[in-house]
Protein backbone atom coordinates (compact mmCIF):
# COMPACT_ATOMS: atom_id res chain seq x y z
CA MET A 1 -168.29 -231.48 -195.82
CA ARG A 2 -171.78 -232.93 -195.32
CA TYR A 3 -172.70 -230.00 -193.05
CA ILE A 4 -171.40 -227.47 -195.56
CA PHE A 5 -173.33 -229.05 -198.43
CA THR A 6 -176.54 -229.16 -196.37
CA PHE A 7 -176.20 -225.51 -195.32
CA SER A 8 -175.59 -224.41 -198.90
CA LEU A 9 -178.51 -226.43 -200.27
CA LEU A 10 -180.91 -225.05 -197.65
CA ILE A 11 -180.04 -221.45 -198.39
CA ILE A 12 -180.48 -221.92 -202.15
CA ILE A 13 -183.92 -223.49 -201.65
CA PHE A 14 -185.09 -220.91 -199.10
CA GLN A 15 -183.74 -217.94 -201.03
CA ALA A 16 -185.62 -219.02 -204.13
CA SER A 17 -188.81 -219.33 -202.07
CA PHE A 18 -188.52 -215.98 -200.29
CA SER A 19 -186.77 -213.78 -202.86
CA GLN A 20 -190.02 -212.04 -203.86
CA ASP A 21 -191.27 -211.49 -200.30
CA LYS A 22 -189.88 -208.25 -198.83
CA ASN A 23 -191.00 -209.28 -195.36
CA TRP A 24 -188.21 -211.86 -195.35
CA SER A 25 -184.45 -211.48 -195.57
CA LEU A 26 -182.38 -214.57 -196.32
CA HIS A 27 -178.64 -214.62 -196.89
CA PHE A 28 -175.63 -216.89 -196.68
CA GLN A 29 -171.91 -216.55 -196.05
CA GLN A 30 -169.00 -218.94 -196.00
CA THR A 31 -165.43 -217.99 -195.16
CA VAL A 32 -162.45 -220.32 -195.47
CA ILE A 33 -159.01 -219.15 -194.30
CA PRO A 34 -155.90 -221.32 -194.62
CA GLN A 35 -153.03 -219.64 -192.77
CA HIS A 36 -149.33 -220.54 -192.63
CA LYS A 37 -146.35 -219.40 -190.61
CA PRO A 38 -142.74 -220.51 -191.06
CA LYS A 39 -140.58 -221.60 -188.16
CA ILE A 40 -139.91 -218.79 -185.68
CA ASN A 41 -137.06 -217.92 -183.35
CA ALA A 42 -137.90 -219.22 -179.87
CA PRO A 43 -135.15 -219.88 -177.30
CA TYR A 44 -137.82 -221.18 -174.90
CA SER A 45 -141.55 -221.91 -174.89
CA GLY A 46 -144.35 -222.25 -172.38
CA ASP A 47 -147.69 -224.07 -172.34
CA TYR A 48 -149.45 -221.24 -174.20
CA SER A 49 -146.66 -220.16 -176.52
CA LEU A 50 -147.02 -219.92 -180.26
CA SER A 51 -145.40 -223.04 -181.69
CA ASP A 52 -141.85 -222.46 -182.90
CA SER A 53 -142.37 -224.96 -185.74
CA SER A 54 -143.66 -224.26 -189.22
CA GLU A 55 -147.41 -224.86 -189.29
CA THR A 56 -150.51 -224.45 -191.42
CA GLN A 57 -154.06 -224.35 -190.09
CA THR A 58 -157.43 -223.72 -191.73
CA SER A 59 -160.64 -222.24 -190.34
CA ILE A 60 -164.13 -222.31 -191.84
CA THR A 61 -167.40 -220.63 -190.91
CA THR A 62 -170.75 -220.98 -192.64
CA THR A 63 -173.74 -218.86 -191.63
CA ILE A 64 -177.37 -218.54 -192.70
CA PHE A 65 -178.94 -215.13 -191.96
CA ILE A 66 -182.73 -215.28 -191.64
CA GLY A 67 -184.81 -212.20 -190.89
CA ARG A 68 -188.57 -211.69 -190.69
CA LYS A 69 -190.50 -208.43 -190.37
CA LEU A 70 -193.25 -208.62 -187.76
CA TRP A 71 -195.18 -205.38 -187.31
CA LYS A 72 -194.21 -201.74 -187.90
CA GLY A 73 -190.60 -201.28 -186.88
CA ALA A 74 -190.24 -204.82 -185.52
CA ALA A 75 -188.24 -207.77 -186.80
CA VAL A 76 -186.76 -211.03 -185.58
CA PHE A 77 -183.48 -212.55 -186.75
CA TYR A 78 -182.06 -216.07 -186.57
CA ASN A 79 -178.51 -216.99 -187.63
CA PRO A 80 -177.52 -220.66 -187.42
CA GLU A 81 -173.79 -221.06 -187.91
CA MET A 82 -171.27 -223.82 -188.47
CA ALA A 83 -167.62 -223.39 -187.52
CA GLY A 84 -164.65 -225.72 -187.74
CA GLY A 85 -160.92 -225.86 -188.07
CA SER A 86 -158.34 -224.09 -185.95
CA GLY A 87 -156.05 -221.11 -185.74
CA LEU A 88 -152.27 -221.37 -185.58
CA SER A 89 -151.20 -223.10 -182.34
CA GLN A 90 -154.88 -223.42 -181.33
CA ALA A 91 -155.21 -219.61 -181.36
CA ARG A 92 -152.65 -219.13 -178.61
CA GLY A 93 -149.33 -217.35 -178.29
CA ILE A 94 -150.27 -213.95 -179.78
CA ALA A 95 -152.54 -211.48 -177.97
CA GLY A 96 -153.59 -209.80 -181.22
CA PHE A 97 -154.22 -213.09 -182.94
CA THR A 98 -153.95 -213.40 -186.70
CA ASN A 99 -157.32 -214.94 -187.66
CA GLY A 100 -160.58 -213.32 -186.56
CA GLU A 101 -162.55 -216.31 -187.84
CA CYS A 102 -161.06 -218.87 -185.46
CA PHE A 103 -161.97 -219.63 -181.88
CA ARG A 104 -160.17 -220.73 -178.74
CA ILE A 105 -161.67 -224.21 -178.64
CA GLY A 106 -159.99 -227.58 -178.38
CA ASN A 107 -162.10 -229.50 -180.88
CA PRO A 108 -161.59 -228.47 -184.53
CA ALA A 109 -164.49 -230.63 -185.79
CA PRO A 110 -167.27 -228.67 -187.57
CA THR A 111 -170.02 -227.76 -185.10
CA ILE A 112 -173.44 -226.22 -185.71
CA TYR A 113 -174.80 -223.74 -183.15
CA THR A 114 -177.04 -220.67 -182.87
CA ALA A 115 -174.96 -217.55 -183.41
CA ARG A 116 -177.80 -215.02 -183.24
CA LEU A 117 -181.44 -215.12 -182.23
CA PHE A 118 -182.80 -211.67 -181.42
CA PHE A 119 -185.73 -209.29 -181.64
CA ARG A 120 -185.40 -205.64 -182.72
CA GLN A 121 -187.92 -202.80 -182.45
CA ASP A 122 -187.62 -199.30 -183.94
CA PHE A 123 -189.72 -196.36 -182.72
CA ALA A 124 -189.75 -193.33 -185.03
CA LEU A 125 -189.22 -190.04 -183.16
CA SER A 126 -190.30 -187.69 -185.97
CA ASN A 127 -191.97 -187.73 -189.36
CA GLU A 128 -188.72 -187.08 -191.17
CA GLY A 129 -188.07 -189.70 -193.81
CA ASN A 130 -184.88 -191.29 -194.91
CA PHE A 131 -183.05 -190.29 -198.05
CA ASN A 132 -184.67 -191.78 -201.12
CA LYS A 133 -181.42 -192.25 -202.95
CA LYS A 134 -180.06 -195.72 -203.56
CA ALA A 135 -177.51 -196.71 -200.95
CA GLU A 136 -174.08 -196.67 -202.50
CA LYS A 137 -171.73 -199.61 -202.19
CA ASN A 138 -168.28 -198.24 -201.40
CA ILE A 139 -165.10 -199.23 -199.61
CA LYS A 140 -166.82 -199.23 -196.26
CA GLY A 141 -167.78 -202.89 -196.62
CA LYS A 142 -170.47 -204.65 -194.63
CA VAL A 143 -171.09 -204.97 -190.93
CA VAL A 144 -173.55 -207.45 -189.51
CA GLU A 145 -175.85 -205.17 -187.53
CA GLY A 146 -175.33 -201.65 -186.37
CA GLU A 147 -176.52 -198.10 -186.75
CA SER A 148 -177.74 -196.88 -190.14
CA HIS A 149 -178.70 -193.26 -189.32
CA ALA A 150 -180.52 -191.66 -192.25
CA ASP A 151 -179.31 -194.00 -194.95
CA PRO A 152 -181.73 -196.25 -196.77
CA THR A 153 -181.40 -199.95 -196.09
CA GLU A 154 -180.76 -202.75 -198.54
CA ASP A 155 -181.77 -206.37 -198.45
CA GLY A 156 -178.60 -207.69 -196.85
CA ILE A 157 -177.21 -209.51 -193.87
CA ASN A 158 -179.71 -209.02 -191.03
CA SER A 159 -181.37 -206.11 -192.83
CA PHE A 160 -184.36 -205.54 -195.12
CA GLU A 161 -184.82 -203.52 -198.27
CA GLY A 162 -186.42 -200.18 -197.43
CA SER A 163 -185.49 -197.68 -194.75
CA ARG A 164 -185.30 -197.07 -191.02
CA PRO A 165 -186.42 -193.85 -189.31
CA SER A 166 -183.84 -191.08 -189.45
CA ASN A 167 -184.53 -190.21 -185.82
CA ARG A 168 -185.43 -193.19 -183.71
CA PHE A 169 -185.24 -195.07 -180.47
CA SER A 170 -184.44 -198.75 -180.96
CA PHE A 171 -183.83 -201.72 -178.76
CA ALA A 172 -182.63 -205.26 -179.41
CA ILE A 173 -182.90 -208.23 -177.08
CA GLY A 174 -181.55 -211.71 -177.61
CA LYS A 175 -178.39 -213.54 -178.55
CA PHE A 176 -175.88 -211.78 -180.78
CA SER A 177 -172.35 -210.36 -180.66
CA ILE A 178 -172.21 -207.15 -178.64
CA ALA A 179 -169.73 -205.93 -181.27
CA ASP A 180 -172.63 -205.98 -183.76
CA TYR A 181 -173.81 -202.76 -182.10
CA PHE A 182 -170.72 -201.24 -180.47
CA ASP A 183 -167.25 -200.26 -181.69
CA ASN A 184 -168.32 -200.22 -185.32
CA ASN A 185 -165.82 -198.93 -187.86
CA SER A 186 -166.52 -198.82 -191.58
CA TYR A 187 -162.93 -199.73 -192.46
CA ALA A 188 -161.94 -202.22 -189.75
CA HIS A 189 -164.63 -204.35 -188.14
CA ASP A 190 -165.31 -207.47 -190.21
CA PRO A 191 -162.65 -210.24 -190.42
CA ARG A 192 -164.58 -211.82 -193.29
CA SER A 193 -164.06 -208.89 -195.66
CA GLN A 194 -161.64 -206.43 -194.03
CA PHE A 195 -158.70 -206.98 -191.64
CA MET A 196 -158.25 -210.42 -190.08
CA ASN A 197 -156.34 -209.53 -186.90
CA TRP A 198 -158.28 -209.60 -183.62
CA ALA A 199 -156.94 -206.20 -182.56
CA LEU A 200 -158.19 -204.64 -185.81
CA MET A 201 -161.67 -206.17 -185.94
CA SER A 202 -162.40 -204.78 -182.45
CA THR A 203 -160.97 -202.37 -179.91
CA GLY A 204 -158.09 -204.39 -178.48
CA ALA A 205 -158.38 -203.50 -174.79
CA TRP A 206 -162.17 -203.98 -174.70
CA ASP A 207 -162.68 -207.36 -173.04
CA TYR A 208 -166.08 -207.55 -174.66
CA PRO A 209 -168.51 -210.10 -173.20
CA ALA A 210 -168.96 -213.30 -175.20
CA ASN A 211 -168.82 -217.05 -175.02
CA THR A 212 -165.93 -218.89 -176.68
CA ARG A 213 -167.44 -218.36 -180.13
CA GLY A 214 -168.01 -214.64 -179.69
CA TYR A 215 -171.74 -214.43 -178.83
CA THR A 216 -173.81 -213.75 -175.74
CA TRP A 217 -177.31 -212.68 -174.63
CA ASN A 218 -177.78 -208.92 -174.54
CA VAL A 219 -180.20 -206.04 -174.21
CA VAL A 220 -179.16 -202.98 -176.25
CA ALA A 221 -180.91 -199.61 -176.56
CA GLU A 222 -180.06 -196.92 -179.14
CA TYR A 223 -181.08 -193.28 -179.48
CA VAL A 224 -180.22 -192.24 -183.04
CA ARG A 225 -180.34 -188.78 -184.60
CA GLU A 226 -179.18 -187.54 -188.01
CA ARG A 227 -175.63 -186.70 -186.92
CA TRP A 228 -175.15 -188.47 -183.61
CA ALA A 229 -176.19 -191.51 -181.62
CA VAL A 230 -176.07 -192.87 -178.08
CA ARG A 231 -176.30 -196.56 -177.24
CA ALA A 232 -176.11 -198.64 -174.08
CA GLY A 233 -176.24 -202.36 -173.46
CA THR A 234 -175.96 -205.01 -170.79
CA SER A 235 -174.73 -208.54 -171.44
CA LEU A 236 -174.22 -211.93 -169.85
CA VAL A 237 -170.63 -213.03 -169.23
CA PRO A 238 -169.11 -216.54 -169.30
CA THR A 239 -169.09 -218.67 -166.16
CA THR A 240 -165.30 -218.93 -166.44
CA ALA A 241 -162.57 -217.17 -168.39
CA ASN A 242 -162.97 -217.96 -172.10
CA GLY A 243 -165.80 -220.33 -171.22
CA PRO A 244 -168.44 -221.71 -173.59
CA ASP A 245 -171.25 -221.39 -171.03
CA LEU A 246 -172.86 -218.12 -169.98
CA ASN A 247 -173.65 -217.11 -166.41
CA TRP A 248 -177.38 -216.45 -166.11
CA GLN A 249 -177.01 -215.00 -162.61
CA TRP A 250 -176.93 -211.48 -164.04
CA ASN A 251 -176.76 -209.73 -160.67
CA GLY A 252 -173.03 -209.62 -159.93
CA ASN A 253 -172.09 -211.24 -163.25
CA ASN A 254 -172.59 -208.83 -166.13
CA SER A 255 -170.92 -206.49 -168.56
CA ASN A 256 -172.28 -203.05 -169.43
CA THR A 257 -171.28 -200.97 -172.44
CA PHE A 258 -171.96 -197.34 -173.32
CA GLU A 259 -171.08 -195.49 -176.52
CA ILE A 260 -171.50 -192.00 -177.96
CA GLU A 261 -171.13 -191.48 -181.70
CA LYS A 262 -170.82 -188.21 -183.62
CA SER A 263 -170.71 -187.75 -187.38
CA THR A 264 -168.07 -185.25 -188.47
CA SER A 265 -167.08 -183.38 -191.62
CA PHE A 266 -163.51 -182.56 -192.60
CA PHE A 267 -163.07 -180.49 -195.76
CA GLY A 268 -166.42 -181.81 -196.92
CA LYS A 269 -165.51 -185.46 -196.27
CA GLU A 270 -167.54 -187.55 -193.85
CA GLY A 271 -166.13 -189.08 -190.69
CA LYS A 272 -167.33 -190.60 -187.43
CA LEU A 273 -165.99 -190.38 -183.90
CA ARG A 274 -167.04 -192.90 -181.26
CA ALA A 275 -166.23 -192.98 -177.55
CA LEU A 276 -166.80 -196.26 -175.69
CA ALA A 277 -166.83 -197.17 -172.01
CA SER A 278 -167.50 -200.53 -170.41
CA TYR A 279 -167.76 -202.01 -166.94
CA THR A 280 -167.64 -205.74 -166.19
CA THR A 281 -168.09 -207.50 -162.87
CA THR A 282 -167.87 -211.22 -162.19
CA TYR A 283 -165.91 -213.98 -160.43
CA MET A 284 -162.46 -212.89 -161.72
CA GLY A 285 -158.93 -213.56 -160.54
CA SER A 286 -156.58 -210.80 -159.36
CA TYR A 287 -153.06 -210.34 -160.73
CA ALA A 288 -151.98 -208.63 -157.49
CA GLU A 289 -153.12 -211.64 -155.45
CA ALA A 290 -151.68 -214.18 -157.91
CA ILE A 291 -148.14 -212.75 -157.94
CA LYS A 292 -147.89 -213.17 -154.16
CA SER A 293 -147.37 -216.88 -154.85
CA PRO A 294 -144.05 -218.26 -156.17
CA ASN A 295 -146.15 -220.27 -158.64
CA PRO A 296 -148.91 -217.86 -159.63
CA ASP A 297 -152.25 -219.27 -160.79
CA ILE A 298 -154.87 -216.66 -161.58
CA ALA A 299 -157.73 -219.16 -161.27
CA SER A 300 -156.92 -219.78 -157.59
CA THR A 301 -157.51 -216.10 -156.76
CA ARG A 302 -160.99 -215.75 -158.25
CA LYS A 303 -163.51 -213.90 -156.12
CA ASP A 304 -166.97 -212.44 -156.57
CA GLY A 305 -167.23 -208.72 -157.18
CA ARG A 306 -164.04 -208.24 -159.18
CA THR A 307 -164.28 -205.62 -161.92
CA LYS A 308 -162.77 -204.37 -165.16
CA TYR A 309 -163.13 -200.87 -166.64
CA THR A 310 -162.46 -199.99 -170.29
CA LEU A 311 -162.26 -196.75 -172.27
CA GLY A 312 -161.90 -196.52 -176.03
CA ILE A 313 -161.79 -194.01 -178.89
CA ASN A 314 -162.66 -195.01 -182.45
CA TYR A 315 -162.37 -192.67 -185.46
CA GLU A 316 -162.88 -193.11 -189.19
CA GLN A 317 -162.34 -190.49 -191.88
CA GLU A 318 -163.24 -190.63 -195.55
CA LEU A 319 -160.49 -189.18 -197.76
CA THR A 320 -162.20 -189.74 -201.10
CA LYS A 321 -165.10 -191.92 -202.25
CA GLU A 322 -162.49 -194.64 -202.73
CA SER A 323 -160.19 -194.25 -199.71
CA GLY A 324 -160.21 -193.63 -195.99
CA LEU A 325 -158.31 -193.72 -192.70
CA PHE A 326 -159.16 -195.13 -189.28
CA PHE A 327 -157.73 -194.97 -185.76
CA ARG A 328 -158.50 -196.69 -182.46
CA ALA A 329 -157.04 -196.30 -178.96
CA SER A 330 -158.17 -198.22 -175.88
CA TRP A 331 -157.27 -198.89 -172.26
CA ASN A 332 -158.50 -201.09 -169.43
CA ASP A 333 -157.37 -201.04 -165.80
CA GLY A 334 -155.60 -204.41 -166.10
CA ASN A 335 -156.02 -205.28 -162.42
CA ASN A 336 -157.96 -208.50 -162.94
CA GLU A 337 -157.74 -211.31 -165.45
CA THR A 338 -158.97 -211.17 -169.03
CA TRP A 339 -162.39 -212.81 -169.08
CA ALA A 340 -163.68 -213.12 -172.64
CA PHE A 341 -161.75 -211.52 -175.54
CA THR A 342 -157.96 -211.43 -175.44
CA GLU A 343 -155.05 -210.41 -173.21
CA ILE A 344 -154.63 -206.78 -174.23
CA ASP A 345 -154.83 -203.96 -171.66
CA ARG A 346 -153.71 -201.07 -173.89
CA SER A 347 -153.94 -200.84 -177.66
CA VAL A 348 -153.42 -198.32 -180.45
CA SER A 349 -154.21 -199.11 -184.08
CA GLY A 350 -154.67 -197.28 -187.33
CA GLY A 351 -154.77 -197.89 -191.04
CA PHE A 352 -155.52 -196.91 -194.60
CA VAL A 353 -158.03 -198.41 -197.04
CA LYS A 354 -158.09 -197.83 -200.81
CA ASN A 355 -160.55 -199.02 -203.43
CA ASN A 356 -160.36 -199.05 -207.22
CA LEU A 357 -156.74 -200.05 -207.73
CA PHE A 358 -155.67 -201.13 -211.21
CA GLY A 359 -159.05 -200.01 -212.56
CA ARG A 360 -160.91 -202.64 -210.49
CA LYS A 361 -163.61 -200.66 -208.67
CA GLN A 362 -164.60 -203.33 -206.16
CA ASP A 363 -161.10 -204.48 -205.20
CA ARG A 364 -159.72 -203.09 -201.95
CA LEU A 365 -156.27 -202.62 -200.43
CA ASN A 366 -156.16 -202.70 -196.60
CA MET A 367 -153.09 -201.69 -194.56
CA ALA A 368 -152.89 -201.26 -190.78
CA PHE A 369 -150.65 -201.30 -187.71
CA VAL A 370 -151.29 -202.27 -184.07
CA PHE A 371 -149.39 -201.67 -180.82
CA ASN A 372 -150.63 -203.81 -177.91
CA GLY A 373 -149.56 -203.66 -174.27
CA ILE A 374 -150.49 -204.97 -170.83
CA SER A 375 -150.65 -203.51 -167.33
CA ASP A 376 -147.69 -203.70 -164.95
CA LEU A 377 -149.48 -206.27 -162.76
CA HIS A 378 -150.32 -208.40 -165.81
CA ARG A 379 -146.69 -208.18 -166.91
CA GLN A 380 -145.42 -209.28 -163.47
CA TYR A 381 -147.84 -212.21 -163.53
CA LEU A 382 -146.51 -213.48 -166.87
CA ALA A 383 -142.90 -212.84 -165.81
CA LYS A 384 -143.36 -215.11 -162.77
CA GLY A 385 -144.60 -217.94 -165.01
CA GLY A 386 -148.34 -217.31 -164.88
CA TYR A 387 -150.74 -218.20 -167.69
CA GLY A 388 -153.86 -216.57 -169.04
CA PHE A 389 -156.04 -218.35 -171.58
CA ILE A 390 -154.31 -216.86 -174.64
CA ILE A 391 -150.66 -216.31 -173.78
CA GLY A 392 -147.94 -217.54 -171.44
CA ASP A 393 -144.33 -218.39 -172.34
CA GLY A 394 -143.42 -219.62 -168.84
CA LYS A 395 -141.41 -216.45 -168.21
CA LEU A 396 -141.13 -212.90 -169.54
CA PRO A 397 -137.66 -211.46 -168.87
CA ASN A 398 -137.78 -208.99 -171.76
CA TYR A 399 -141.16 -207.32 -172.13
CA GLY A 400 -141.98 -205.38 -175.28
CA LEU A 401 -145.05 -203.99 -177.00
CA GLU A 402 -146.67 -206.54 -179.27
CA THR A 403 -146.38 -204.83 -182.66
CA ILE A 404 -148.43 -205.97 -185.65
CA PHE A 405 -148.58 -204.94 -189.28
CA GLU A 406 -151.27 -206.32 -191.60
CA VAL A 407 -151.75 -205.80 -195.32
CA ASN A 408 -154.19 -207.56 -197.63
CA TYR A 409 -155.77 -207.12 -201.02
CA ASN A 410 -159.43 -208.05 -201.39
CA ILE A 411 -160.10 -209.25 -204.94
CA LYS A 412 -163.76 -209.20 -205.95
CA VAL A 413 -163.96 -212.19 -208.29
CA THR A 414 -167.74 -212.17 -208.77
CA ASP A 415 -170.71 -210.51 -207.05
CA TRP A 416 -170.72 -213.36 -204.54
CA LEU A 417 -167.04 -214.39 -204.23
CA SER A 418 -163.96 -212.52 -203.01
CA VAL A 419 -160.43 -213.83 -202.53
CA THR A 420 -157.95 -212.04 -200.26
CA PRO A 421 -154.22 -212.72 -199.93
CA ASP A 422 -153.15 -211.52 -196.46
CA TYR A 423 -149.79 -210.95 -194.75
CA GLN A 424 -149.18 -210.17 -191.08
CA LEU A 425 -145.94 -209.40 -189.28
CA VAL A 426 -145.97 -209.85 -185.50
CA ILE A 427 -143.03 -208.49 -183.48
CA ASN A 428 -142.75 -209.49 -179.80
CA PRO A 429 -145.57 -212.08 -179.85
CA ALA A 430 -147.22 -212.27 -176.42
CA TYR A 431 -145.13 -209.21 -175.40
CA ASN A 432 -141.92 -211.28 -175.45
CA GLN A 433 -138.86 -209.74 -177.12
CA ASP A 434 -137.08 -213.11 -176.95
CA ARG A 435 -139.48 -214.79 -179.41
CA GLY A 436 -140.33 -214.12 -183.03
CA PRO A 437 -140.83 -212.25 -185.23
CA VAL A 438 -143.77 -214.09 -186.77
CA HIS A 439 -144.64 -213.99 -190.47
CA ALA A 440 -148.21 -215.19 -191.13
CA PHE A 441 -149.54 -215.73 -194.65
CA ALA A 442 -153.20 -216.41 -195.43
CA LEU A 443 -155.62 -216.70 -198.32
CA ARG A 444 -159.18 -215.80 -197.36
CA MET A 445 -162.02 -217.08 -199.55
CA HIS A 446 -165.36 -215.46 -198.79
CA THR A 447 -168.70 -216.32 -200.39
CA GLU A 448 -171.81 -214.25 -199.70
CA PHE A 449 -175.21 -214.09 -201.35
């Protein structure tokens, strides 16, 4: 609690000092999520199974977002963050885990660390200005840092009041989440204000590079036009699967991501289509090699030069000013072990978002489904008793798609506080038809100013 109080006090003091200076951006967020599941059906369990007992766990994150303009088009950002608590069963036993704010770490004690520290430079490619209209706040929520196209910018999280060039080349270098720039979706990207499930906040089969807490060092370049954009990035990867430390030997240990984005119009309603591809190489283990042993251990098969390829499609479509749909589909080759995100090799998800229910304009209903799967080699590895870093029931005699349904209702209590009751149903947790289903109930409390 001492850390939380200190963080809150600092932001209040600094915000009062800098509120009149448009060269600075200073913001704060805190998200607390208690989550409960009743006892589940489980005829057997392994080392990385979801507990069959009733349990309740709570996660908390607190972040300060500091930004400073430097020269024309340039800015630097620093985000210290504190995280504590735990997910259900230490965030194990479900590939599409139920709390996007928790991490796969053993120590639940609150810890302060640097989440983001990066430099960004915009180069205008024409004299065309941005729209002068005030940016509207609608159901599309907030994302930490991504493309803005021709829209004006507000003083917000890692952004300044004003505008960015409509047509520009930009680059960012430093520490941040690669998902800040790639795989954006206006309806399903932020577990602090939208869906909480891991497979809804990001493309499920994209084993995106990150340390245990979700951040890494990157270089990202963007070419942005009025109706389309292209971006590419290269990132450091952990030294070991789900590791806290990053491998600074970039040659032979890196992840590279490429994305094309196109704005669309359907009966006069705006949409966006994104296609993503990624390539990762590092010291990974091979499922094919591991299953040759009667007691498979993926770590014992690790070798330099192993790779993972990913492809993903991401679509969002506005239906009205107060509602929209989204869809994602993704695939990776599934030959080598999961290295950073979660054990999903194929994923399809979609959902519906609706604002302004019951006459409350800023409240939002979110509903979505997910189907997750794994490669045949990955399945054989788990069936023979192998373990990843997320799942492993000791055996897998009856494989099935991990099927998830999430619904929540985001209640805007004040300008700075929202409360969200959330329910998730997980069928075949960790691809095991013998276990579950899982009913997970949560109450998310999110403060932002």
